[in-house]
Amino acid sequence: MLISFAVVGVLVLLLRWTYGSGKSLVARPPRTGTPQEYGLLVPVASPADRDEALRLAALLRSAGLRYTLADTSDGLRLMVWPGDEQAARRILPHG
């Protein structure tokens, strides 16, 4: 009888862990969004490929501007904070 309770207890624990709070140890794959879904960040360039994106990012970095390279649903976008938008557009050749 004790073994039966132990087996049921283990099953209850396993089921609670499986269907519990929704906190998984496995990370979900990141979801790509539109350029407008990145909070306050403003897209300032739409590079054709990763090499061009890295070249443009180097220009921003050398000017001391913080940037984010995001792979959006519309393609690669180089994004900056709103306060840095005008400076970034002056620096970037296609800005």
N, C-alpha and C. Protein backbone atom coordinates (compact mmCIF):
# COMPACT_ATOMS: atom_id res chain seq x y z
N MET A 1 0.82 -1.18 0.00
CA MET A 1 0.00 0.00 0.00
C MET A 1 0.88 1.26 0.00
N LEU A 2 1.95 1.23 0.74
CA LEU A 2 2.86 2.36 0.80
C LEU A 2 3.49 2.62 -0.57
N ILE A 3 3.80 1.56 -1.29
CA ILE A 3 4.39 1.70 -2.62
C ILE A 3 3.39 2.36 -3.58
N SER A 4 2.12 2.02 -3.45
CA SER A 4 1.08 2.62 -4.30
C SER A 4 1.02 4.13 -4.09
N PHE A 5 1.03 4.56 -2.82
CA PHE A 5 1.01 5.99 -2.54
C PHE A 5 2.26 6.69 -3.07
N ALA A 6 3.39 6.02 -2.97
CA ALA A 6 4.63 6.60 -3.47
C ALA A 6 4.58 6.76 -4.99
N VAL A 7 4.08 5.76 -5.69
CA VAL A 7 3.98 5.83 -7.15
C VAL A 7 3.01 6.95 -7.56
N VAL A 8 1.86 7.03 -6.89
CA VAL A 8 0.89 8.09 -7.20
C VAL A 8 1.51 9.47 -6.89
N GLY A 9 2.22 9.57 -5.80
CA GLY A 9 2.88 10.83 -5.46
C GLY A 9 3.88 11.26 -6.52
N VAL A 10 4.69 10.32 -6.99
CA VAL A 10 5.66 10.63 -8.04
C VAL A 10 4.95 11.05 -9.32
N LEU A 11 3.87 10.37 -9.67
CA LEU A 11 3.11 10.75 -10.86
C LEU A 11 2.51 12.15 -10.73
N VAL A 12 2.00 12.47 -9.54
CA VAL A 12 1.44 13.80 -9.31
C VAL A 12 2.53 14.86 -9.48
N LEU A 13 3.70 14.61 -8.92
CA LEU A 13 4.80 15.56 -9.05
C LEU A 13 5.24 15.73 -10.50
N LEU A 14 5.31 14.63 -11.23
CA LEU A 14 5.69 14.71 -12.64
C LEU A 14 4.66 15.48 -13.46
N LEU A 15 3.38 15.23 -13.20
CA LEU A 15 2.34 15.94 -13.94
C LEU A 15 2.30 17.42 -13.59
N ARG A 16 2.53 17.75 -12.32
CA ARG A 16 2.57 19.17 -11.93
C ARG A 16 3.75 19.86 -12.60
N TRP A 17 4.87 19.19 -12.66
CA TRP A 17 6.04 19.76 -13.30
C TRP A 17 5.81 19.92 -14.80
N THR A 18 5.17 18.95 -15.43
CA THR A 18 4.93 18.99 -16.87
C THR A 18 3.92 20.06 -17.25
N TYR A 19 2.83 20.11 -16.54
CA TYR A 19 1.74 21.04 -16.89
C TYR A 19 1.64 22.21 -15.91
N GLY A 20 2.74 22.54 -15.27
CA GLY A 20 2.74 23.55 -14.21
C GLY A 20 2.65 24.97 -14.70
N SER A 21 3.42 25.83 -14.10
CA SER A 21 3.30 27.28 -14.22
C SER A 21 3.66 27.85 -15.58
N GLY A 22 4.13 27.06 -16.49
CA GLY A 22 4.50 27.57 -17.80
C GLY A 22 5.94 28.03 -17.89
N LYS A 23 6.68 27.93 -16.81
CA LYS A 23 8.09 28.31 -16.82
C LYS A 23 8.89 27.12 -17.33
N SER A 24 9.47 27.29 -18.49
CA SER A 24 10.21 26.20 -19.11
C SER A 24 11.70 26.43 -18.95
N LEU A 25 12.43 25.38 -18.86
CA LEU A 25 13.89 25.47 -18.82
C LEU A 25 14.47 25.66 -20.22
N VAL A 26 13.66 25.39 -21.24
CA VAL A 26 14.09 25.52 -22.62
C VAL A 26 13.61 26.86 -23.15
N ALA A 27 14.53 27.67 -23.63
CA ALA A 27 14.17 29.00 -24.13
C ALA A 27 13.43 28.87 -25.45
N ARG A 28 12.43 29.73 -25.63
CA ARG A 28 11.71 29.76 -26.89
C ARG A 28 12.57 30.46 -27.93
N PRO A 29 12.43 30.07 -29.20
CA PRO A 29 13.19 30.77 -30.23
C PRO A 29 12.71 32.22 -30.34
N PRO A 30 13.62 33.17 -30.58
CA PRO A 30 13.20 34.57 -30.67
C PRO A 30 12.28 34.78 -31.87
N ARG A 31 11.33 35.67 -31.69
CA ARG A 31 10.37 35.99 -32.74
C ARG A 31 10.81 37.28 -33.41
N THR A 32 10.87 37.27 -34.73
CA THR A 32 11.22 38.49 -35.44
C THR A 32 9.97 39.33 -35.60
N GLY A 33 10.12 40.62 -35.39
CA GLY A 33 8.99 41.53 -35.50
C GLY A 33 9.23 42.56 -36.59
N THR A 34 8.26 43.41 -36.78
CA THR A 34 8.41 44.50 -37.73
C THR A 34 9.33 45.56 -37.11
N PRO A 35 9.88 46.46 -37.91
CA PRO A 35 10.76 47.50 -37.35
C PRO A 35 10.07 48.38 -36.30
N GLN A 36 8.76 48.46 -36.32
CA GLN A 36 8.04 49.28 -35.35
C GLN A 36 7.86 48.58 -34.00
N GLU A 37 8.21 47.31 -33.90
CA GLU A 37 8.02 46.55 -32.67
C GLU A 37 9.26 46.52 -31.78
N TYR A 38 10.17 47.44 -31.95
CA TYR A 38 11.40 47.43 -31.16
C TYR A 38 11.46 48.59 -30.17
N GLY A 39 10.31 48.92 -29.60
CA GLY A 39 10.26 49.93 -28.55
C GLY A 39 10.63 51.30 -29.05
N LEU A 40 11.52 51.96 -28.34
CA LEU A 40 11.92 53.31 -28.68
C LEU A 40 12.94 53.39 -29.81
N LEU A 41 13.52 52.26 -30.18
CA LEU A 41 14.56 52.28 -31.22
C LEU A 41 13.98 52.71 -32.56
N VAL A 42 14.76 53.52 -33.29
CA VAL A 42 14.34 54.07 -34.58
C VAL A 42 15.21 53.48 -35.68
N PRO A 43 14.62 52.90 -36.72
CA PRO A 43 15.46 52.38 -37.81
C PRO A 43 16.05 53.52 -38.63
N VAL A 44 17.37 53.46 -38.86
CA VAL A 44 18.04 54.52 -39.62
C VAL A 44 18.68 53.99 -40.90
N ALA A 45 18.77 52.68 -41.05
CA ALA A 45 19.36 52.12 -42.27
C ALA A 45 18.78 50.73 -42.52
N SER A 46 18.67 50.40 -43.81
CA SER A 46 18.19 49.09 -44.25
C SER A 46 19.27 48.44 -45.11
N PRO A 47 20.30 47.89 -44.49
CA PRO A 47 21.40 47.31 -45.28
C PRO A 47 20.93 46.11 -46.10
N ALA A 48 21.56 45.93 -47.24
CA ALA A 48 21.19 44.84 -48.14
C ALA A 48 21.63 43.48 -47.61
N ASP A 49 22.77 43.43 -46.92
CA ASP A 49 23.27 42.16 -46.38
C ASP A 49 24.04 42.42 -45.09
N ARG A 50 24.51 41.35 -44.47
CA ARG A 50 25.17 41.47 -43.18
C ARG A 50 26.50 42.22 -43.29
N ASP A 51 27.21 42.05 -44.39
CA ASP A 51 28.48 42.76 -44.56
C ASP A 51 28.27 44.28 -44.59
N GLU A 52 27.27 44.73 -45.34
CA GLU A 52 26.98 46.16 -45.37
C GLU A 52 26.52 46.65 -43.99
N ALA A 53 25.74 45.81 -43.30
CA ALA A 53 25.27 46.18 -41.96
C ALA A 53 26.45 46.37 -41.02
N LEU A 54 27.42 45.49 -41.07
CA LEU A 54 28.58 45.61 -40.20
C LEU A 54 29.43 46.82 -40.56
N ARG A 55 29.51 47.15 -41.85
CA ARG A 55 30.26 48.34 -42.27
C ARG A 55 29.58 49.62 -41.76
N LEU A 56 28.25 49.67 -41.89
CA LEU A 56 27.51 50.83 -41.39
C LEU A 56 27.57 50.91 -39.87
N ALA A 57 27.52 49.76 -39.21
CA ALA A 57 27.61 49.74 -37.75
C ALA A 57 28.97 50.26 -37.29
N ALA A 58 30.00 49.95 -38.03
CA ALA A 58 31.33 50.44 -37.68
C ALA A 58 31.39 51.96 -37.76
N LEU A 59 30.69 52.55 -38.73
CA LEU A 59 30.63 54.01 -38.83
C LEU A 59 29.97 54.61 -37.59
N LEU A 60 28.87 54.00 -37.16
CA LEU A 60 28.18 54.50 -35.97
C LEU A 60 29.04 54.33 -34.72
N ARG A 61 29.69 53.19 -34.62
CA ARG A 61 30.54 52.91 -33.45
C ARG A 61 31.69 53.89 -33.38
N SER A 62 32.30 54.20 -34.54
CA SER A 62 33.43 55.13 -34.55
C SER A 62 32.99 56.55 -34.17
N ALA A 63 31.72 56.86 -34.36
CA ALA A 63 31.19 58.18 -33.97
C ALA A 63 30.71 58.18 -32.53
N GLY A 64 30.80 57.04 -31.85
CA GLY A 64 30.40 56.95 -30.46
C GLY A 64 28.90 56.79 -30.26
N LEU A 65 28.19 56.36 -31.30
CA LEU A 65 26.74 56.16 -31.20
C LEU A 65 26.43 54.70 -30.88
N ARG A 66 25.46 54.50 -30.00
CA ARG A 66 25.01 53.15 -29.69
C ARG A 66 23.99 52.74 -30.74
N TYR A 67 24.01 51.49 -31.13
CA TYR A 67 23.12 50.99 -32.17
C TYR A 67 22.71 49.56 -31.87
N THR A 68 21.70 49.12 -32.58
CA THR A 68 21.27 47.73 -32.53
C THR A 68 21.06 47.25 -33.95
N LEU A 69 21.59 46.09 -34.27
CA LEU A 69 21.36 45.48 -35.57
C LEU A 69 20.29 44.42 -35.36
N ALA A 70 19.12 44.65 -35.95
CA ALA A 70 17.98 43.75 -35.74
C ALA A 70 17.59 43.09 -37.05
N ASP A 71 17.36 41.78 -36.99
CA ASP A 71 16.88 41.03 -38.14
C ASP A 71 15.35 41.03 -38.05
N THR A 72 14.71 42.01 -38.66
CA THR A 72 13.26 42.17 -38.56
C THR A 72 12.56 41.35 -39.64
N SER A 73 11.25 41.35 -39.59
CA SER A 73 10.48 40.64 -40.61
C SER A 73 10.59 41.34 -41.97
N ASP A 74 11.04 42.59 -41.99
CA ASP A 74 11.24 43.33 -43.24
C ASP A 74 12.70 43.32 -43.68
N GLY A 75 13.55 42.54 -43.03
CA GLY A 75 14.97 42.48 -43.36
C GLY A 75 15.81 43.13 -42.27
N LEU A 76 17.10 43.21 -42.50
CA LEU A 76 18.02 43.80 -41.52
C LEU A 76 17.73 45.29 -41.35
N ARG A 77 17.79 45.75 -40.11
CA ARG A 77 17.63 47.17 -39.81
C ARG A 77 18.67 47.57 -38.79
N LEU A 78 19.29 48.71 -39.02
CA LEU A 78 20.21 49.31 -38.07
C LEU A 78 19.41 50.34 -37.30
N MET A 79 19.34 50.20 -35.97
CA MET A 79 18.47 51.04 -35.15
C MET A 79 19.27 51.79 -34.10
N VAL A 80 18.81 53.01 -33.80
CA VAL A 80 19.45 53.83 -32.77
C VAL A 80 18.36 54.42 -31.88
N TRP A 81 18.78 55.04 -30.78
CA TRP A 81 17.85 55.73 -29.90
C TRP A 81 17.38 57.01 -30.56
N PRO A 82 16.18 57.49 -30.24
CA PRO A 82 15.66 58.71 -30.88
C PRO A 82 16.59 59.92 -30.76
N GLY A 83 17.28 60.06 -29.66
CA GLY A 83 18.20 61.19 -29.48
C GLY A 83 19.40 61.13 -30.40
N ASP A 84 19.73 59.96 -30.91
CA ASP A 84 20.89 59.79 -31.79
C ASP A 84 20.49 59.70 -33.27
N GLU A 85 19.21 59.81 -33.57
CA GLU A 85 18.74 59.59 -34.93
C GLU A 85 19.34 60.59 -35.93
N GLN A 86 19.31 61.86 -35.61
CA GLN A 86 19.81 62.87 -36.54
C GLN A 86 21.31 62.70 -36.79
N ALA A 87 22.07 62.44 -35.74
CA ALA A 87 23.52 62.24 -35.90
C ALA A 87 23.79 60.99 -36.75
N ALA A 88 23.03 59.94 -36.52
CA ALA A 88 23.23 58.70 -37.27
C ALA A 88 22.90 58.92 -38.74
N ARG A 89 21.84 59.66 -39.02
CA ARG A 89 21.47 59.92 -40.43
C ARG A 89 22.52 60.79 -41.13
N ARG A 90 23.18 61.68 -40.41
CA ARG A 90 24.25 62.48 -41.01
C ARG A 90 25.48 61.62 -41.31
N ILE A 91 25.75 60.64 -40.45
CA ILE A 91 26.94 59.81 -40.60
C ILE A 91 26.77 58.76 -41.70
N LEU A 92 25.60 58.15 -41.75
CA LEU A 92 25.37 57.05 -42.67
C LEU A 92 25.21 57.57 -44.10
N PRO A 93 25.81 56.89 -45.08
CA PRO A 93 25.76 57.36 -46.46
C PRO A 93 24.34 57.34 -47.06
N HIS A 94 23.49 56.38 -46.63
CA HIS A 94 22.15 56.27 -47.21
C HIS A 94 21.10 56.80 -46.25
N GLY A 95 21.52 57.40 -45.11
CA GLY A 95 20.61 57.81 -44.05
C GLY A 95 19.73 58.92 -44.46
